[in-house]
Amino acid sequence: MAFEGLSSRLQEITRKIRGKARISESALKEMLREVKLALLEADVNYKIVKEFIANIQEKALGQDVMKSLTPGQQVIKIVKDEMIELLGGTESKINLTPNPPTIIMLVGLQGSGKTTTAGKLANLLRKQGKKPLLVACDIYRPAAIKQLQVVGAQLNIPVYSNETSKDVVHIAKQALNVAISKLNDVVILDTAGRLHIDDELMQELKNVKSNVKPHEILLVVDSMTGQDAVNVAQTFNEEVGIDGVILTKLDGDTRGGAALSVKKVTGKPIKFAATGEKLSDIEVFNPERMTSRILGMGDVLSIIEKAEEAITEEEAEKLEKQLRKDELDLDDYLAQIRQVKKMGSFSSILKMLPGMNKIKDLNIDDKEFDKVEAIICSMTKQEKRNVKLLNASRRQRIAKGSGTTVQDINKFIKSFEMTQKMMKQFKSNKGGMKNMMKNMNMNDLKNFKI
C-alpha cells in the first residue's frame, strides 16, 4: 500500500500530540525530529525534508491557536497544510484543447509502465465522455505494439499502428489524420523508452515534440524506484520539457518518497496515479485527499466517487429498500460484492476510511471475493434466500461444487450473518452507525474477510 510506512509513523506522531492543551518548544522540536526521520525513511529528498520541517516550525511557533482547535490539533493542521502544498497544492487537470484532437505524449524509461498507463488513461478519459485513440509509437521494444493492441482490445478502444514504418514522427502524423477522420478527440502517443536515459532517446522525443506539437507531455514514472524516479523526472523535464507526471505502481511502494519529492524538484504537478493492476486502477492525483490518506484522516470523497461510477442509482435504491425490509439474501450479497469489485481492491477502499489504519493485522485478501462467488453460485435458490437451511450435508455439497472446504463455507456464513446483524443494528437504532461501531468486536472485524 502506498505510503504505508510513512503513514503509520506520522499517525503515531500526531496521535501523541492531538489532544494536548499545551505544546512546549522542546516538545515541538522532538515531534518535528520524528517527522523528519519518518520522511527520510520514506525516501523523500533531504533538501525537501529540511525545508518542510523549517516551514512547519516557523508556522507552529509564530501562529496563534485557533479558538476551535487545541495546540496539538493546530500543529497537525499545519503539518497537513504543508504536506498538501508539498504534493502540489491543488488538483492539476489535463490540458484538453478546445480544438480537438488533444494530443497527449507519454514518455519515460522502459519498464515504467507506459503502455499499460496509456490504456488506463484512455479508459479514464472515455469515462469523461472522450473518444480516445491509442497510438503505438514504440517501434523498438519487442511486442510493444502487440501489447498496446491487446490493451486496446480489452478496453474496446482503437489502436493505430504501422509496423512497416521505422519513422516515429511519420507514424504519429498518420495517427493524427486517422483521428481526425474517425472523430477521435484525444490521441495518446505511447512512445519508446530505454533502460537508461541516452541522447538517442531524447532526440527522438524532441523530434516528435517539434513535429507533432503535443498539448500534454506526461512523464510516466515508476514510484518504486524512489529517488531514481525524481532524478529521471528532473532529466526528462530539462531535456524534453514535461507538463506533468503519472506515478505508476503506487500500490506497491510503501514509502512514497517519489510522490513527495517529484513536484518540488521538477516544479511539474503529479496529474495521475496508477494504484493497481486493473485497467481501471488509475485516478486523478488530488494532493488534499492523498494527504488525508497519509495522515489517517480517510478519503471518503474518493470512495463516494468510486461508488457512483460502479453502482447505478436504481441499484442503490433497490438495496436500500431490501435493507429496510431486512430482505438481504445471498443473491443481493453477491450483487454487492460484484459492485465493490468494480470500485477496486477491497483493501484500497478500506484504507480510505478514517481510522482504519489504526487497526493492526487487518488482513484483507481480495481473492476471497472469487471464493465467495463460487460458494454462492453453488447454492440452490432456497439456500440463498435462507442460510439456516445449510445443514452439514448441504455444506459438504456446496464445498465440492465450489472447490472450497466446509471450513470456508462456515467462515463465510458467519461473516454473512454478522453483516445481517450489523444492518439490523443500523436500521433499528437511532444513531445506528455510531452504536454499531461502538458495539463492534474488533477481533471479529479482523477476521471479517468480505
Protein backbone atom coordinates (compact mmCIF):
# COMPACT_ATOMS: atom_id res chain seq x y z
CA MET A 1 0.00 0.00 0.00
CA ALA A 2 1.33 3.46 -0.93
CA PHE A 3 2.87 5.47 1.93
CA GLU A 4 2.16 2.65 4.41
CA GLY A 5 5.38 3.09 6.39
CA LEU A 6 5.22 6.88 6.37
CA SER A 7 1.51 6.87 7.13
CA SER A 8 1.81 4.68 10.23
CA ARG A 9 4.73 6.74 11.58
CA LEU A 10 3.02 10.09 11.06
CA GLN A 11 -0.25 8.86 12.53
CA GLU A 12 1.55 7.68 15.65
CA ILE A 13 3.30 11.06 15.97
CA THR A 14 0.09 13.07 15.52
CA ARG A 15 -1.82 10.79 17.91
CA LYS A 16 0.60 11.70 20.71
CA ILE A 17 0.02 15.45 20.37
CA ARG A 18 -3.58 15.61 19.13
CA GLY A 19 -5.31 16.49 22.40
CA LYS A 20 -2.51 18.33 24.18
CA ALA A 21 -3.58 21.63 25.71
CA ARG A 22 -0.02 22.95 25.62
CA ILE A 23 2.98 22.15 23.44
CA SER A 24 6.38 23.46 24.53
CA GLU A 25 9.07 24.43 22.04
CA SER A 26 11.17 21.43 23.10
CA ALA A 27 8.19 19.06 22.59
CA LEU A 28 7.59 20.57 19.16
CA LYS A 29 11.24 20.07 18.20
CA GLU A 30 11.09 16.44 19.33
CA MET A 31 7.94 15.88 17.29
CA LEU A 32 9.49 17.52 14.22
CA ARG A 33 12.60 15.37 14.61
CA GLU A 34 10.37 12.27 14.43
CA VAL A 35 8.56 13.68 11.39
CA LYS A 36 11.93 14.35 9.75
CA LEU A 37 13.09 10.77 10.34
CA ALA A 38 9.78 9.40 9.03
CA LEU A 39 10.11 11.41 5.80
CA LEU A 40 13.76 10.42 5.27
CA GLU A 41 12.88 6.75 5.81
CA ALA A 42 10.16 7.20 3.18
CA ASP A 43 12.94 8.18 0.74
CA VAL A 44 11.96 11.84 0.49
CA ASN A 45 14.72 14.12 -0.81
CA TYR A 46 16.81 15.50 2.10
CA LYS A 47 16.65 19.16 0.96
CA ILE A 48 12.87 18.92 0.67
CA VAL A 49 12.59 17.41 4.16
CA LYS A 50 14.76 20.18 5.61
CA GLU A 51 12.61 22.90 4.04
CA PHE A 52 9.38 21.11 5.02
CA ILE A 53 10.40 20.89 8.70
CA ALA A 54 11.60 24.51 8.76
CA ASN A 55 8.24 25.72 7.38
CA ILE A 56 6.27 23.77 9.99
CA GLN A 57 8.45 25.01 12.83
CA GLU A 58 8.15 28.62 11.72
CA LYS A 59 4.37 28.46 11.41
CA ALA A 60 3.82 26.43 14.59
CA LEU A 61 5.82 28.84 16.76
CA GLY A 62 4.61 32.01 15.11
CA GLN A 63 0.89 31.32 14.81
CA ASP A 64 -1.90 31.92 17.26
CA VAL A 65 -4.02 28.90 18.10
CA MET A 66 -7.48 28.99 16.51
CA LYS A 67 -10.29 29.04 19.06
CA SER A 68 -11.80 25.86 17.64
CA LEU A 69 -8.52 23.88 17.94
CA THR A 70 -6.22 22.72 20.71
CA PRO A 71 -2.48 23.47 20.25
CA GLY A 72 -1.97 19.82 19.30
CA GLN A 73 -4.67 19.97 16.65
CA GLN A 74 -3.21 23.23 15.37
CA VAL A 75 0.19 21.60 14.78
CA ILE A 76 -1.48 18.70 12.96
CA LYS A 77 -3.34 21.20 10.77
CA ILE A 78 -0.06 22.91 9.90
CA VAL A 79 1.56 19.55 9.05
CA LYS A 80 -1.40 18.68 6.83
CA ASP A 81 -1.39 22.05 5.05
CA GLU A 82 2.36 21.83 4.39
CA MET A 83 2.08 18.30 3.04
CA ILE A 84 -0.76 19.32 0.70
CA GLU A 85 1.47 22.11 -0.58
CA LEU A 86 4.39 19.69 -0.97
CA LEU A 87 2.25 17.38 -3.12
CA GLY A 88 1.19 20.21 -5.40
CA GLY A 89 -1.43 22.22 -3.52
CA THR A 90 -4.36 21.65 -5.84
CA GLU A 91 -5.51 19.01 -8.31
CA SER A 92 -3.90 19.64 -11.71
CA LYS A 93 -6.23 18.91 -14.61
CA ILE A 94 -5.15 17.68 -18.02
CA ASN A 95 -4.84 20.32 -20.73
CA LEU A 96 -7.64 19.48 -23.19
CA THR A 97 -7.66 21.72 -26.26
CA PRO A 98 -10.95 23.32 -27.43
CA ASN A 99 -9.94 22.34 -30.98
CA PRO A 100 -9.66 18.54 -30.95
CA PRO A 101 -7.90 16.24 -31.16
CA THR A 102 -5.92 16.78 -27.94
CA ILE A 103 -2.51 15.12 -28.34
CA ILE A 104 -1.03 13.53 -25.22
CA MET A 105 2.51 12.17 -25.46
CA LEU A 106 3.58 9.66 -22.81
CA VAL A 107 7.34 9.49 -22.17
CA GLY A 108 9.51 7.59 -19.71
CA LEU A 109 12.03 4.82 -19.23
CA GLN A 110 11.42 1.23 -20.30
CA GLY A 111 9.64 -0.72 -17.57
CA SER A 112 7.88 2.29 -16.03
CA GLY A 113 4.51 1.03 -17.28
CA LYS A 114 3.88 3.45 -20.18
CA THR A 115 1.88 1.05 -22.39
CA THR A 116 -0.48 -0.09 -19.63
CA THR A 117 -0.78 3.50 -18.40
CA ALA A 118 -1.74 4.61 -21.93
CA GLY A 119 -4.67 2.20 -21.78
CA LYS A 120 -5.64 3.25 -18.25
CA LEU A 121 -5.56 6.94 -19.22
CA ALA A 122 -7.62 6.30 -22.36
CA ASN A 123 -10.15 4.39 -20.26
CA LEU A 124 -10.37 7.22 -17.71
CA LEU A 125 -10.84 9.86 -20.42
CA ARG A 126 -13.53 7.76 -22.10
CA LYS A 127 -15.46 7.74 -18.81
CA GLN A 128 -15.32 11.54 -19.01
CA GLY A 129 -17.02 11.47 -22.41
CA LYS A 130 -13.95 11.50 -24.65
CA LYS A 131 -13.27 9.30 -27.68
CA PRO A 132 -9.58 8.32 -27.43
CA LEU A 133 -7.23 6.77 -29.98
CA LEU A 134 -4.13 4.90 -28.79
CA VAL A 135 -1.03 5.16 -30.99
CA ALA A 136 1.84 2.64 -30.94
CA CYS A 137 4.99 4.74 -31.31
CA ASP A 138 7.37 2.26 -29.68
CA ILE A 139 8.98 0.59 -32.70
CA TYR A 140 11.96 -0.86 -30.82
CA ARG A 141 10.79 -2.99 -27.90
CA PRO A 142 9.74 -6.50 -28.98
CA ALA A 143 5.96 -6.98 -28.81
CA ALA A 144 5.38 -3.36 -27.69
CA ILE A 145 2.86 -2.81 -30.50
CA LYS A 146 1.14 -6.12 -29.76
CA GLN A 147 0.91 -5.23 -26.05
CA LEU A 148 -0.86 -1.95 -26.82
CA GLN A 149 -3.22 -3.73 -29.22
CA VAL A 150 -4.11 -6.26 -26.50
CA VAL A 151 -4.77 -3.44 -24.01
CA GLY A 152 -6.90 -1.61 -26.59
CA ALA A 153 -8.89 -4.77 -27.33
CA GLN A 154 -9.59 -5.35 -23.62
CA LEU A 155 -10.97 -1.81 -23.32
CA ASN A 156 -12.58 -1.73 -26.77
CA ILE A 157 -10.52 1.37 -27.60
CA PRO A 158 -9.00 1.69 -31.12
CA VAL A 159 -5.22 1.41 -31.59
CA TYR A 160 -3.31 2.85 -34.54
CA SER A 161 -0.04 1.17 -35.56
CA ASN A 162 2.21 0.96 -38.61
CA GLU A 163 4.55 -2.00 -38.29
CA THR A 164 6.24 -1.33 -41.66
CA SER A 165 7.48 2.16 -40.77
CA LYS A 166 10.50 2.95 -38.61
CA ASP A 167 9.81 6.70 -38.61
CA VAL A 168 8.08 7.60 -35.34
CA VAL A 169 7.21 11.14 -36.48
CA HIS A 170 5.58 9.74 -39.63
CA ILE A 171 3.56 7.23 -37.56
CA ALA A 172 2.35 9.98 -35.20
CA LYS A 173 1.31 12.23 -38.11
CA GLN A 174 -0.57 9.38 -39.80
CA ALA A 175 -2.36 8.68 -36.49
CA LEU A 176 -3.49 12.31 -36.30
CA ASN A 177 -5.05 12.08 -39.75
CA VAL A 178 -6.85 8.89 -38.71
CA ALA A 179 -8.07 10.54 -35.50
CA ILE A 180 -9.49 13.50 -37.43
CA SER A 181 -11.24 11.22 -39.94
CA LYS A 182 -12.66 8.97 -37.20
CA LEU A 183 -13.62 11.93 -34.94
CA ASN A 184 -11.32 10.84 -32.09
CA ASP A 185 -10.94 13.88 -29.81
CA VAL A 186 -7.94 12.53 -27.82
CA VAL A 187 -4.77 10.94 -29.24
CA ILE A 188 -2.43 9.19 -26.81
CA LEU A 189 1.09 8.51 -28.12
CA ASP A 190 2.82 5.56 -26.45
CA THR A 191 6.46 6.38 -27.16
CA ALA A 192 9.57 4.21 -26.80
CA GLY A 193 11.66 4.05 -23.66
CA ARG A 194 15.15 2.88 -22.80
CA LEU A 195 16.63 1.11 -19.82
CA HIS A 196 18.51 4.33 -19.15
CA ILE A 197 18.49 7.92 -20.39
CA ASP A 198 20.55 8.44 -23.55
CA ASP A 199 20.95 11.04 -26.32
CA GLU A 200 19.21 8.88 -28.95
CA LEU A 201 16.04 8.57 -26.83
CA MET A 202 15.91 12.27 -26.05
CA GLN A 203 16.48 13.29 -29.67
CA GLU A 204 13.62 11.07 -30.87
CA LEU A 205 11.25 12.55 -28.29
CA LYS A 206 12.33 16.08 -29.24
CA ASN A 207 11.62 15.28 -32.92
CA VAL A 208 8.11 14.06 -32.10
CA LYS A 209 7.51 17.12 -29.92
CA SER A 210 8.64 19.63 -32.56
CA ASN A 211 6.74 17.97 -35.44
CA VAL A 212 3.52 16.83 -33.75
CA LYS A 213 3.29 19.58 -31.09
CA PRO A 214 1.55 17.62 -28.32
CA HIS A 215 -0.72 19.57 -25.96
CA GLU A 216 0.45 17.47 -22.99
CA ILE A 217 3.74 15.66 -22.40
CA LEU A 218 3.27 13.38 -19.41
CA LEU A 219 6.19 11.54 -17.83
CA VAL A 220 5.34 8.03 -16.62
CA VAL A 221 7.43 7.25 -13.55
CA ASP A 222 7.74 4.01 -11.57
CA SER A 223 7.28 5.22 -7.99
CA MET A 224 9.01 2.10 -6.62
CA THR A 225 12.37 3.37 -7.91
CA GLY A 226 12.39 6.01 -5.16
CA GLN A 227 14.90 8.81 -5.64
CA ASP A 228 15.80 7.50 -9.09
CA ALA A 229 12.26 8.43 -10.11
CA VAL A 230 12.92 12.02 -9.05
CA ASN A 231 16.22 12.12 -10.96
CA VAL A 232 14.52 10.72 -14.09
CA ALA A 233 11.75 13.34 -13.81
CA GLN A 234 14.29 16.13 -13.46
CA THR A 235 16.28 14.98 -16.52
CA PHE A 236 13.23 14.49 -18.76
CA ASN A 237 11.95 17.92 -17.77
CA GLU A 238 15.28 19.59 -18.59
CA GLU A 239 15.79 17.72 -21.88
CA VAL A 240 12.30 17.39 -23.36
CA GLY A 241 10.08 19.56 -21.17
CA ILE A 242 7.16 17.85 -19.44
CA ASP A 243 3.75 19.15 -18.37
CA GLY A 244 3.08 16.65 -15.63
CA VAL A 245 3.83 13.26 -14.10
CA ILE A 246 1.92 9.98 -13.86
CA LEU A 247 3.08 7.84 -10.94
CA THR A 248 2.73 4.10 -11.54
CA LYS A 249 2.90 1.16 -9.12
CA LEU A 250 1.93 3.44 -6.25
CA ASP A 251 0.14 0.49 -4.63
CA GLY A 252 3.46 -1.38 -4.36
CA ASP A 253 5.51 1.50 -2.92
CA THR A 254 5.19 1.51 0.88
CA ARG A 255 7.50 4.51 1.23
CA GLY A 256 6.12 7.04 -1.25
CA GLY A 257 9.17 9.29 -1.32
CA ALA A 258 8.96 9.81 -5.08
CA ALA A 259 5.47 11.28 -4.85
CA LEU A 260 6.51 13.62 -2.06
CA SER A 261 9.64 14.79 -3.93
CA VAL A 262 8.86 14.95 -7.65
CA LYS A 263 6.62 18.05 -7.61
CA LYS A 264 9.08 20.09 -5.54
CA VAL A 265 12.13 19.07 -7.57
CA THR A 266 10.67 19.47 -11.08
CA GLY A 267 8.03 22.11 -10.45
CA LYS A 268 5.65 19.95 -12.52
CA PRO A 269 2.46 18.55 -11.00
CA ILE A 270 1.59 14.91 -10.45
CA LYS A 271 -1.54 14.58 -12.58
CA PHE A 272 -2.45 10.90 -12.22
CA ALA A 273 -1.61 7.95 -10.00
CA ALA A 274 -1.89 4.30 -11.07
CA THR A 275 -2.87 2.34 -7.98
CA GLY A 276 -3.25 -1.27 -9.13
CA GLU A 277 -3.01 -3.81 -11.94
CA LYS A 278 -6.52 -3.43 -13.36
CA LEU A 279 -7.02 -1.13 -16.35
CA SER A 280 -9.46 0.87 -14.21
CA ASP A 281 -6.87 1.41 -11.44
CA ILE A 282 -5.92 5.00 -12.18
CA GLU A 283 -7.10 8.19 -10.52
CA VAL A 284 -6.60 11.92 -10.80
CA PHE A 285 -3.95 12.86 -8.24
CA ASN A 286 -5.52 15.04 -5.56
CA PRO A 287 -2.95 16.42 -3.06
CA GLU A 288 -5.51 17.13 -0.34
CA ARG A 289 -7.11 13.70 -0.48
CA MET A 290 -3.74 11.93 -0.65
CA THR A 291 -2.55 13.88 2.40
CA SER A 292 -5.69 12.87 4.30
CA ARG A 293 -4.94 9.22 3.49
CA ILE A 294 -1.33 9.54 4.64
CA LEU A 295 -2.34 11.13 7.94
CA GLY A 296 -5.10 8.56 8.53
CA MET A 297 -7.92 11.07 8.12
CA GLY A 298 -9.54 8.99 5.38
CA ASP A 299 -10.70 9.86 1.89
CA VAL A 300 -14.45 9.39 1.92
CA LEU A 301 -14.98 11.61 -1.15
CA SER A 302 -12.96 9.21 -3.31
CA ILE A 303 -14.99 6.26 -2.01
CA ILE A 304 -18.20 8.09 -2.91
CA GLU A 305 -16.91 8.84 -6.41
CA LYS A 306 -15.88 5.21 -6.94
CA ALA A 307 -19.30 4.05 -5.73
CA GLU A 308 -21.09 6.48 -8.05
CA GLU A 309 -19.13 5.06 -11.00
CA ALA A 310 -19.77 1.42 -10.05
CA ILE A 311 -23.33 1.50 -8.70
CA THR A 312 -26.34 2.94 -10.51
CA GLU A 313 -28.99 4.95 -8.68
CA GLU A 314 -31.58 2.21 -9.32
CA GLU A 315 -29.32 -0.45 -7.79
CA ALA A 316 -28.69 1.71 -4.74
CA GLU A 317 -32.42 2.34 -4.23
CA LYS A 318 -33.19 -1.39 -4.58
CA LEU A 319 -30.56 -2.27 -1.96
CA GLU A 320 -31.85 0.42 0.42
CA LYS A 321 -35.42 -0.98 0.19
CA GLN A 322 -34.18 -4.50 0.87
CA LEU A 323 -32.18 -3.36 3.88
CA ARG A 324 -35.19 -1.54 5.30
CA LYS A 325 -37.26 -4.71 4.96
CA ASP A 326 -34.48 -6.99 6.28
CA GLU A 327 -34.54 -8.86 2.97
CA LEU A 328 -30.79 -9.02 2.25
CA ASP A 329 -30.23 -12.52 0.86
CA LEU A 330 -27.16 -14.10 -0.73
CA ASP A 331 -28.19 -13.09 -4.27
CA ASP A 332 -28.19 -9.45 -3.11
CA TYR A 333 -24.93 -10.04 -1.26
CA LEU A 334 -23.30 -11.44 -4.41
CA ALA A 335 -24.57 -8.49 -6.47
CA GLN A 336 -22.99 -6.08 -3.96
CA ILE A 337 -19.70 -7.99 -3.98
CA ARG A 338 -19.56 -7.62 -7.76
CA GLN A 339 -20.29 -3.90 -7.46
CA VAL A 340 -17.50 -3.46 -4.90
CA LYS A 341 -15.08 -5.31 -7.20
CA LYS A 342 -15.75 -2.66 -9.84
CA MET A 343 -14.59 0.02 -7.37
CA GLY A 344 -11.14 -1.54 -6.98
CA SER A 345 -9.48 -3.73 -4.39
CA PHE A 346 -11.27 -4.10 -1.07
CA SER A 347 -8.02 -3.29 0.75
CA SER A 348 -7.60 0.05 -1.03
CA ILE A 349 -11.21 1.03 -0.24
CA LEU A 350 -10.81 0.22 3.46
CA LYS A 351 -7.61 2.27 3.62
CA MET A 352 -9.65 5.33 2.59
CA LEU A 353 -11.93 5.04 5.64
CA PRO A 354 -10.96 7.30 8.55
CA GLY A 355 -9.25 5.38 11.37
CA MET A 356 -8.96 2.04 9.56
CA ASN A 357 -5.15 2.29 9.52
CA LYS A 358 -5.23 2.10 13.31
CA ILE A 359 -6.48 -1.49 13.18
CA LYS A 360 -3.38 -3.66 13.01
CA ASP A 361 -3.39 -7.07 11.32
CA LEU A 362 -6.45 -6.17 9.22
CA ASN A 363 -5.76 -8.82 6.60
CA ILE A 364 -7.92 -8.43 3.52
CA ASP A 365 -7.42 -11.00 0.77
CA ASP A 366 -9.14 -9.88 -2.42
CA LYS A 367 -9.10 -13.48 -3.69
CA GLU A 368 -11.81 -14.14 -1.11
CA PHE A 369 -14.21 -12.38 -3.50
CA ASP A 370 -13.75 -15.17 -6.07
CA LYS A 371 -14.12 -17.85 -3.40
CA VAL A 372 -17.35 -16.32 -2.10
CA GLU A 373 -18.76 -16.00 -5.64
CA ALA A 374 -18.07 -19.72 -6.19
CA ILE A 375 -19.72 -20.64 -2.87
CA ILE A 376 -22.89 -18.62 -3.52
CA CYS A 377 -23.18 -19.84 -7.12
CA SER A 378 -23.06 -23.45 -5.85
CA MET A 379 -26.20 -22.94 -3.73
CA THR A 380 -29.84 -23.52 -4.64
CA LYS A 381 -32.30 -20.61 -4.76
CA GLN A 382 -33.81 -21.70 -1.44
CA GLU A 383 -30.39 -21.84 0.24
CA LYS A 384 -29.51 -18.35 -0.99
CA ARG A 385 -32.73 -16.99 0.50
CA ASN A 386 -32.35 -18.77 3.84
CA VAL A 387 -28.88 -19.76 5.09
CA LYS A 388 -30.45 -21.59 8.03
CA LEU A 389 -31.21 -24.43 5.60
CA LEU A 390 -27.48 -25.13 5.31
CA ASN A 391 -27.03 -28.31 7.33
CA ALA A 392 -23.86 -30.43 7.29
CA SER A 393 -24.68 -32.40 4.13
CA ARG A 394 -25.65 -29.27 2.18
CA ARG A 395 -22.41 -27.58 3.21
CA GLN A 396 -20.40 -30.59 2.03
CA ARG A 397 -22.20 -30.50 -1.34
CA ILE A 398 -21.55 -26.73 -1.73
CA ALA A 399 -17.88 -27.17 -0.80
CA LYS A 400 -17.44 -29.80 -3.53
CA GLY A 401 -19.30 -27.69 -6.08
CA SER A 402 -17.29 -24.53 -5.36
CA GLY A 403 -13.87 -26.14 -4.94
CA THR A 404 -13.65 -24.95 -1.33
CA THR A 405 -13.78 -26.60 2.10
CA VAL A 406 -16.56 -26.90 4.67
CA GLN A 407 -14.47 -24.63 6.88
CA ASP A 408 -14.59 -21.98 4.13
CA ILE A 409 -18.37 -22.32 3.99
CA ASN A 410 -18.67 -21.99 7.78
CA LYS A 411 -16.43 -18.90 7.85
CA PHE A 412 -18.37 -17.24 5.05
CA ILE A 413 -21.80 -17.92 6.60
CA LYS A 414 -20.54 -16.49 9.90
CA SER A 415 -19.40 -13.31 8.10
CA PHE A 416 -22.71 -13.03 6.25
CA GLU A 417 -24.74 -13.41 9.44
CA MET A 418 -22.54 -10.75 11.03
CA THR A 419 -23.35 -8.45 8.11
CA GLN A 420 -27.07 -9.05 8.58
CA LYS A 421 -26.73 -8.29 12.30
CA MET A 422 -24.85 -5.04 11.56
CA MET A 423 -27.51 -3.98 9.07
CA LYS A 424 -30.30 -4.64 11.59
CA GLN A 425 -28.49 -2.55 14.21
CA PHE A 426 -28.04 0.24 11.71
CA LYS A 427 -31.74 0.13 10.79
CA SER A 428 -33.25 -0.19 14.27
CA ASN A 429 -31.08 2.16 16.33
CA LYS A 430 -31.21 5.91 16.36
CA GLY A 431 -27.68 6.96 15.55
CA GLY A 432 -27.32 3.43 14.21
CA MET A 433 -23.84 3.81 12.74
CA LYS A 434 -22.45 5.24 15.97
CA ASN A 435 -23.94 2.44 18.08
CA MET A 436 -22.92 -0.18 15.55
CA MET A 437 -19.28 0.92 15.65
CA LYS A 438 -19.36 1.19 19.46
CA ASN A 439 -20.62 -2.37 19.89
CA MET A 440 -18.42 -3.89 17.17
CA ASN A 441 -15.96 -6.55 18.23
CA MET A 442 -12.56 -5.62 16.72
CA ASN A 443 -11.45 -9.27 16.67
CA ASP A 444 -14.50 -10.08 14.54
CA LEU A 445 -13.63 -7.22 12.22
CA LYS A 446 -10.07 -8.50 11.79
CA ASN A 447 -11.45 -11.88 10.72
CA PHE A 448 -14.15 -10.32 8.53
CA LYS A 449 -12.98 -11.26 5.03
CA ILE A 450 -15.82 -10.00 2.84
